[in-house]
Amino acid sequence: MPGGPAFVDALQREWDAGNAVLPVDRRLPAPARAALLEAMAPAALVNAEGRHALAVGRHVEPGDALVMATSGSTGTPKGVILTHAAVAASAAATTARLGTSSADTWLACLPLAHVGGMSVVTRALHTGARLVVHDGFDARAVEAAARQGATVVSLVATALARVDPALFRVIVLGGSRPPAALPPNTHTTYGLTETGSGVVYDGRALDGVEVQIAADGEVLLRGPMLCREYRDGTTPLDPDGWLHTGDLGRWQPDGRLHVDGRRGEMIITGGENVWPEAVEAVLATHPRVADVAVAGVPDPEWGQRVVAWVVPEGGPPSLTDLKSLVSERLPAFCAPKELRLVDSLPRTALGKVQRYRLADPSTTTT
């Protein structure tokens, strides 16, 4: 169903009937949608025409609220099961950290098939705040909603760049890396679908959330808003309830968590470790770089070489210029050894670069 009041009403009806809900991205092509439904095995499909029973469906457990599809970093779909208790815990902890109340109006304008969009809806429903739901992001519609009373919104970096942030009292920012100049009313978040939304705000864990850095640098999370299990019956939680995120991070001197990136995304070139996001942040400041992603590709001499995929602005930048720019701010081994010009970057609906797709020839022009 398109995002709007009818979607929220349908969600509430299914919850009242004791059912869990799998929001499906309407933009999925038919084969992908069919594969998703086969893997998730819902018992019924609800669309604008009504409610339709499906031939094969698997039960959920009492108290399950949502099954959120996630492709992670590999593209293989999984169904993350979130209970009503987990959703309520997330809503309460987020509300307490942001200082929002029932006097606020939340605007949901991110895809509802992703936890970043759906959590806005569930947060408002669980806290009694007013709610406005859009069918996707449109900058003019978002600004109009703010002028009509919306006070709190969840955005990704690309969306934030297209609106006047001063129109909102509070902005929650997730997805891809935040801009260098962050508006003062904006809070950066870290979380996964398995955590039901962001659980670390501005580098500090929400109330009730525990964070550990394992000996190998992996970020571990534990708290009441974590998922119950995956739809296939497996669980990402260890016996002590810790979620092993697959992200590597570290504590900063002021006690804030800094996440370097996915374990498999670190580039090892000539024995040196390079984090793509650190290089991307520097390259994004070049005036001829509209968008950029960095990843490692096999190299017979270096093991991996640093490659920059760049969407040019105006005219293409030169590799020499990009190397110089990076070397001014980071160790020289972080500088890209290859430049690939592209028309666009493969991203999720929430703006995260899908690095495993960067080498796909369909994403490149040179």
Protein backbone atom coordinates (compact mmCIF):
# COMPACT_ATOMS: atom_id res chain seq x y z
CA MET A 1 0.00 0.00 0.00
CA PRO A 2 1.21 3.54 -0.57
CA GLY A 3 2.41 5.41 2.48
CA GLY A 4 -0.36 7.41 4.08
CA PRO A 5 -3.24 7.13 6.58
CA ALA A 6 -4.61 3.97 4.93
CA PHE A 7 -1.26 2.23 5.43
CA VAL A 8 -1.23 3.13 9.12
CA ASP A 9 -4.85 2.00 9.54
CA ALA A 10 -4.07 -1.35 7.88
CA LEU A 11 -1.02 -1.82 10.10
CA GLN A 12 -3.08 -1.15 13.22
CA ARG A 13 -5.84 -3.55 12.10
CA GLU A 14 -3.38 -6.39 11.59
CA TRP A 15 -1.79 -5.72 14.96
CA ASP A 16 -5.19 -5.68 16.64
CA ALA A 17 -5.88 -9.08 15.07
CA GLY A 18 -2.66 -10.48 16.55
CA ASN A 19 -0.73 -10.58 13.27
CA ALA A 20 2.78 -9.45 12.42
CA VAL A 21 3.34 -7.25 9.37
CA LEU A 22 5.91 -7.45 6.58
CA PRO A 23 6.05 -4.10 4.72
CA VAL A 24 6.91 -4.71 1.07
CA ASP A 25 8.60 -2.11 -1.09
CA ARG A 26 6.17 -1.44 -3.95
CA ARG A 27 9.08 -0.47 -6.19
CA LEU A 28 10.40 -4.02 -6.29
CA PRO A 29 10.18 -5.63 -9.72
CA ALA A 30 7.86 -8.62 -9.90
CA PRO A 31 10.58 -11.33 -9.70
CA ALA A 32 12.19 -9.73 -6.64
CA ARG A 33 8.81 -9.31 -4.96
CA ALA A 34 7.93 -12.94 -5.64
CA ALA A 35 11.27 -14.10 -4.21
CA LEU A 36 10.76 -11.98 -1.11
CA LEU A 37 7.26 -13.33 -0.48
CA GLU A 38 8.47 -16.88 -0.98
CA ALA A 39 11.29 -16.40 1.54
CA MET A 40 9.20 -14.56 4.13
CA ALA A 41 6.09 -16.80 3.71
CA PRO A 42 3.31 -14.41 4.75
CA ALA A 43 -0.24 -15.78 5.06
CA ALA A 44 -1.98 -12.81 3.44
CA LEU A 45 -1.31 -9.82 1.23
CA VAL A 46 -2.89 -6.44 1.99
CA ASN A 47 -2.98 -3.84 -0.77
CA ALA A 48 -5.20 -0.96 -1.83
CA GLU A 49 -7.79 -3.45 -3.15
CA GLY A 50 -8.14 -5.31 0.15
CA ARG A 51 -6.84 -8.35 2.00
CA HIS A 52 -5.95 -11.49 0.04
CA ALA A 53 -5.10 -14.92 1.47
CA LEU A 54 -1.93 -16.51 0.13
CA ALA A 55 -1.48 -20.20 -0.56
CA VAL A 56 1.43 -20.78 1.79
CA GLY A 57 2.09 -18.99 5.05
CA ARG A 58 4.14 -19.64 8.18
CA HIS A 59 3.00 -18.59 11.63
CA VAL A 60 4.81 -16.09 13.80
CA GLU A 61 4.99 -16.17 17.59
CA PRO A 62 2.54 -14.32 19.87
CA GLY A 63 3.82 -10.80 20.40
CA ASP A 64 5.64 -10.52 17.07
CA ALA A 65 4.98 -7.13 15.48
CA LEU A 66 7.12 -6.77 12.36
CA VAL A 67 9.09 -8.81 9.88
CA MET A 68 11.53 -6.40 8.25
CA ALA A 69 13.31 -7.54 5.10
CA THR A 70 16.99 -6.68 4.97
CA SER A 71 19.65 -7.52 2.41
CA GLY A 72 22.60 -6.59 4.63
CA SER A 73 25.88 -6.23 2.75
CA THR A 74 25.51 -9.31 0.56
CA GLY A 75 22.16 -8.77 -1.14
CA THR A 76 20.68 -12.00 0.29
CA PRO A 77 17.27 -11.15 1.82
CA LYS A 78 16.57 -11.98 5.47
CA GLY A 79 13.51 -11.32 7.58
CA VAL A 80 14.21 -9.64 10.93
CA ILE A 81 11.46 -10.35 13.47
CA LEU A 82 10.77 -7.52 15.91
CA THR A 83 8.33 -7.99 18.78
CA HIS A 84 5.88 -5.43 20.13
CA ALA A 85 8.00 -5.26 23.28
CA ALA A 86 11.10 -4.49 21.21
CA VAL A 87 9.31 -1.86 19.14
CA ALA A 88 7.93 -0.22 22.30
CA ALA A 89 11.37 -0.24 23.94
CA SER A 90 12.89 1.44 20.88
CA ALA A 91 10.16 4.08 20.83
CA ALA A 92 10.56 4.85 24.54
CA ALA A 93 14.36 5.07 24.47
CA THR A 94 14.40 7.24 21.34
CA THR A 95 11.74 9.56 22.68
CA ALA A 96 13.62 9.99 25.95
CA ARG A 97 16.89 10.81 24.18
CA LEU A 98 15.35 13.28 21.73
CA GLY A 99 13.08 14.94 24.25
CA THR A 100 10.04 14.55 21.99
CA SER A 101 6.51 14.21 23.32
CA SER A 102 2.89 13.80 22.30
CA ALA A 103 2.94 17.51 21.44
CA ASP A 104 5.28 16.76 18.52
CA THR A 105 4.31 15.63 15.03
CA TRP A 106 6.52 13.00 13.40
CA LEU A 107 6.94 13.01 9.64
CA ALA A 108 7.62 9.64 7.99
CA CYS A 109 9.03 10.18 4.50
CA LEU A 110 11.58 7.36 4.20
CA PRO A 111 10.64 4.01 2.61
CA LEU A 112 8.32 2.12 4.96
CA ALA A 113 9.80 -1.22 3.89
CA HIS A 114 12.99 -0.21 5.73
CA VAL A 115 13.32 0.09 9.48
CA GLY A 116 14.38 3.74 9.22
CA GLY A 117 10.98 4.62 7.76
CA MET A 118 8.80 2.12 9.60
CA SER A 119 10.28 3.03 12.99
CA VAL A 120 8.92 6.56 12.61
CA VAL A 121 5.41 5.14 12.28
CA THR A 122 5.77 2.71 15.18
CA ARG A 123 7.41 5.37 17.36
CA ALA A 124 4.48 7.71 16.91
CA LEU A 125 1.92 4.95 17.49
CA HIS A 126 3.59 3.79 20.70
CA THR A 127 4.12 7.25 22.17
CA GLY A 128 0.88 8.92 21.11
CA ALA A 129 2.59 11.57 19.01
CA ARG A 130 0.88 12.93 15.95
CA LEU A 131 1.97 11.36 12.68
CA VAL A 132 2.15 12.36 9.02
CA VAL A 133 3.13 9.66 6.53
CA HIS A 134 4.29 10.39 2.98
CA ASP A 135 4.61 7.89 0.16
CA GLY A 136 8.36 8.40 -0.19
CA PHE A 137 10.58 11.47 -0.09
CA ASP A 138 9.73 14.65 -1.96
CA ALA A 139 11.60 17.77 -0.83
CA ARG A 140 8.74 20.18 -1.48
CA ALA A 141 6.23 17.95 0.30
CA VAL A 142 8.59 17.56 3.27
CA GLU A 143 9.03 21.32 3.64
CA ALA A 144 5.29 21.84 3.23
CA ALA A 145 4.63 19.32 6.01
CA ALA A 146 7.02 21.20 8.28
CA ARG A 147 5.22 24.48 7.62
CA GLN A 148 1.96 22.72 8.43
CA GLY A 149 3.13 21.51 11.82
CA ALA A 150 5.53 18.56 11.48
CA THR A 151 8.28 19.06 14.06
CA VAL A 152 10.38 15.86 13.94
CA VAL A 153 11.61 13.96 10.90
CA SER A 154 13.92 11.05 10.10
CA LEU A 155 16.12 11.59 7.04
CA VAL A 156 19.20 10.28 5.26
CA ALA A 157 22.07 12.52 4.17
CA THR A 158 20.92 12.92 0.57
CA ALA A 159 17.45 13.97 1.72
CA LEU A 160 18.83 16.34 4.35
CA ALA A 161 20.79 18.17 1.66
CA ARG A 162 17.56 18.92 -0.24
CA VAL A 163 15.51 20.55 2.53
CA ASP A 164 15.86 23.47 4.92
CA PRO A 165 16.76 21.76 8.21
CA ALA A 166 15.74 24.82 10.21
CA LEU A 167 12.10 24.04 9.46
CA PHE A 168 12.18 21.15 11.97
CA ARG A 169 12.74 21.12 15.70
CA VAL A 170 14.54 17.76 15.60
CA ILE A 171 16.06 15.74 12.75
CA VAL A 172 17.15 12.12 13.13
CA LEU A 173 19.81 11.22 10.56
CA GLY A 174 20.59 7.66 9.54
CA GLY A 175 21.75 5.75 6.48
CA SER A 176 24.98 6.85 4.81
CA ARG A 177 27.73 9.01 6.28
CA PRO A 178 26.58 12.39 7.66
CA PRO A 179 27.64 15.67 6.05
CA ALA A 180 30.69 17.44 7.39
CA ALA A 181 28.61 20.45 8.46
CA LEU A 182 25.82 19.01 10.60
CA PRO A 183 22.83 21.25 11.43
CA PRO A 184 22.58 21.86 15.20
CA ASN A 185 19.13 20.25 15.44
CA THR A 186 20.33 17.00 13.81
CA HIS A 187 21.25 13.79 15.62
CA THR A 188 23.33 11.12 13.88
CA THR A 189 22.34 7.53 14.61
CA TYR A 190 23.88 4.08 14.42
CA GLY A 191 21.81 0.93 14.29
CA LEU A 192 20.75 -2.00 12.14
CA THR A 193 17.50 -3.58 11.12
CA GLU A 194 18.24 -6.14 13.85
CA THR A 195 18.20 -3.32 16.44
CA GLY A 196 14.85 -1.97 15.28
CA SER A 197 16.29 1.45 14.40
CA GLY A 198 19.17 3.54 15.74
CA VAL A 199 20.42 2.58 19.21
CA VAL A 200 23.46 4.88 19.40
CA TYR A 201 22.75 8.60 19.04
CA ASP A 202 25.61 11.03 18.45
CA GLY A 203 28.02 8.31 19.55
CA ARG A 204 26.27 7.52 22.84
CA ALA A 205 24.05 4.51 23.51
CA LEU A 206 20.37 5.00 24.26
CA ASP A 207 19.18 4.21 27.76
CA GLY A 208 19.03 0.46 28.24
CA VAL A 209 21.46 -0.25 25.40
CA GLU A 210 24.83 -1.83 26.07
CA VAL A 211 27.79 -1.51 23.71
CA GLN A 212 31.00 -3.51 23.77
CA ILE A 213 34.04 -3.49 21.50
CA ALA A 214 35.31 -7.06 21.11
CA ALA A 215 39.00 -7.92 21.09
CA ASP A 216 38.99 -7.93 17.28
CA GLY A 217 37.29 -4.51 17.15
CA GLU A 218 33.76 -5.73 16.35
CA VAL A 219 30.89 -3.69 17.77
CA LEU A 220 28.55 -5.75 19.96
CA LEU A 221 25.11 -4.50 20.99
CA ARG A 222 22.59 -5.66 23.58
CA GLY A 223 19.26 -4.21 24.65
CA PRO A 224 15.49 -4.70 24.87
CA MET A 225 14.83 -3.44 21.32
CA LEU A 226 16.85 -6.14 19.55
CA CYS A 227 15.13 -8.62 17.25
CA ARG A 228 13.85 -12.00 18.40
CA GLU A 229 15.27 -13.97 15.48
CA TYR A 230 15.29 -14.20 11.67
CA ARG A 231 12.32 -15.50 9.72
CA ASP A 232 14.19 -18.72 8.90
CA GLY A 233 14.49 -19.52 12.61
CA THR A 234 18.16 -18.62 13.02
CA THR A 235 19.28 -15.88 15.39
CA PRO A 236 22.00 -13.24 15.12
CA LEU A 237 22.28 -13.09 18.93
CA ASP A 238 24.79 -15.09 20.93
CA PRO A 239 23.73 -17.05 24.06
CA ASP A 240 24.29 -13.95 26.21
CA GLY A 241 22.01 -11.81 24.04
CA TRP A 242 24.74 -9.84 22.25
CA LEU A 243 24.28 -8.90 18.59
CA HIS A 244 27.54 -9.28 16.69
CA THR A 245 27.09 -6.46 14.19
CA GLY A 246 29.91 -7.21 11.74
CA ASP A 247 30.93 -3.54 12.10
CA LEU A 248 34.33 -2.55 13.46
CA GLY A 249 34.54 0.42 15.78
CA ARG A 250 36.43 2.10 18.60
CA TRP A 251 35.91 4.38 21.54
CA GLN A 252 36.91 8.00 21.02
CA PRO A 253 38.71 9.92 23.81
CA ASP A 254 35.44 11.59 24.85
CA GLY A 255 33.76 8.20 25.30
CA ARG A 256 31.73 8.28 22.09
CA LEU A 257 31.51 5.30 19.77
CA HIS A 258 33.07 5.67 16.34
CA VAL A 259 32.13 3.05 13.76
CA ASP A 260 34.80 2.59 11.10
CA GLY A 261 32.77 0.37 8.78
CA ARG A 262 31.85 -3.19 7.90
CA ARG A 263 34.49 -5.79 8.66
CA GLY A 264 34.64 -7.00 5.05
CA GLU A 265 34.83 -3.46 3.64
CA MET A 266 38.21 -2.56 5.11
CA ILE A 267 40.84 -2.35 2.38
CA ILE A 268 44.24 -3.91 3.08
CA THR A 269 46.69 -2.43 0.63
CA GLY A 270 50.41 -3.11 0.95
CA GLY A 271 49.77 -4.30 4.53
CA GLU A 272 48.06 -1.03 5.52
CA ASN A 273 44.42 -0.76 6.60
CA VAL A 274 42.20 1.76 4.80
CA TRP A 275 38.61 2.52 5.79
CA PRO A 276 36.52 3.51 2.74
CA GLU A 277 34.32 6.00 4.59
CA ALA A 278 37.29 8.04 5.77
CA VAL A 279 38.55 8.37 2.19
CA GLU A 280 35.05 9.08 0.88
CA ALA A 281 34.61 11.91 3.37
CA VAL A 282 37.72 13.63 2.01
CA LEU A 283 36.94 13.04 -1.67
CA ALA A 284 33.41 14.39 -1.20
CA THR A 285 34.89 17.83 -0.48
CA HIS A 286 36.31 18.10 -4.02
CA PRO A 287 34.21 20.59 -6.04
CA ARG A 288 33.99 18.22 -9.02
CA VAL A 289 32.77 15.25 -6.96
CA ALA A 290 28.99 15.02 -6.75
CA ASP A 291 29.02 11.56 -5.17
CA VAL A 292 31.71 9.04 -4.34
CA ALA A 293 32.27 5.52 -3.09
CA VAL A 294 35.55 3.80 -2.28
CA ALA A 295 36.35 0.09 -2.21
CA GLY A 296 39.25 -2.27 -2.68
CA VAL A 297 39.82 -4.44 -5.75
CA PRO A 298 42.36 -7.27 -6.08
CA ASP A 299 45.83 -6.14 -7.06
CA PRO A 300 48.80 -8.43 -7.79
CA GLU A 301 51.30 -6.02 -6.24
CA TRP A 302 49.41 -4.44 -3.32
CA GLY A 303 46.96 -7.23 -2.46
CA GLN A 304 44.19 -4.68 -2.89
CA ARG A 305 44.25 -1.24 -4.43
CA VAL A 306 42.07 1.67 -3.39
CA VAL A 307 39.57 2.54 -6.12
CA ALA A 308 37.27 5.58 -6.14
CA TRP A 309 33.97 5.46 -8.01
CA VAL A 310 33.04 9.09 -8.67
CA VAL A 311 29.91 10.76 -10.02
CA PRO A 312 31.42 13.94 -11.48
CA GLU A 313 30.08 17.45 -10.98
CA GLY A 314 30.54 19.74 -13.97
CA GLY A 315 33.69 18.11 -15.29
CA PRO A 316 35.49 14.99 -14.12
CA PRO A 317 38.25 15.42 -11.52
CA SER A 318 41.66 13.98 -12.25
CA LEU A 319 43.12 11.07 -10.34
CA THR A 320 46.14 13.25 -9.53
CA ASP A 321 43.95 15.88 -7.90
CA LEU A 322 42.11 13.28 -5.84
CA LYS A 323 45.36 11.67 -4.70
CA SER A 324 46.72 15.05 -3.60
CA LEU A 325 43.53 15.90 -1.74
CA VAL A 326 43.53 12.65 0.22
CA SER A 327 47.24 12.78 0.95
CA GLU A 328 46.80 16.22 2.54
CA ARG A 329 44.47 14.81 5.21
CA LEU A 330 45.17 11.08 5.43
CA PRO A 331 48.23 8.82 5.12
CA ALA A 332 49.40 8.56 1.52
CA PHE A 333 48.47 4.87 1.28
CA CYS A 334 44.79 5.89 1.64
CA ALA A 335 44.86 7.78 -1.66
CA PRO A 336 43.04 6.10 -4.55
CA LYS A 337 45.20 4.35 -7.10
CA GLU A 338 42.39 4.20 -9.66
CA LEU A 339 39.46 6.44 -10.61
CA ARG A 340 36.28 5.11 -12.18
CA LEU A 341 33.73 7.62 -13.42
CA VAL A 342 30.11 6.54 -13.05
CA ASP A 343 26.65 7.95 -13.69
CA SER A 344 25.36 6.89 -10.27
CA LEU A 345 26.26 4.74 -7.29
CA PRO A 346 24.38 1.61 -6.21
CA ARG A 347 22.68 2.51 -2.94
CA THR A 348 19.98 1.11 -0.70
CA ALA A 349 16.75 3.03 -0.28
CA LEU A 350 18.26 4.62 2.83
CA GLY A 351 21.33 5.86 0.97
CA LYS A 352 23.94 3.31 2.02
CA VAL A 353 26.44 2.40 -0.69
CA GLN A 354 26.18 -1.23 -1.77
CA ARG A 355 29.89 -1.84 -2.13
CA TYR A 356 29.42 -5.42 -3.30
CA ARG A 357 27.77 -4.00 -6.44
CA LEU A 358 30.43 -1.43 -7.30
CA ALA A 359 32.33 -3.78 -9.59
CA ASP A 360 29.15 -4.49 -11.58
CA PRO A 361 29.88 -3.20 -15.11
CA SER A 362 26.33 -1.79 -15.30
CA THR A 363 27.24 0.80 -12.68
CA THR A 364 30.22 2.23 -14.55
CA THR A 365 30.75 4.39 -17.60
CA THR A 366 34.54 4.15 -17.77
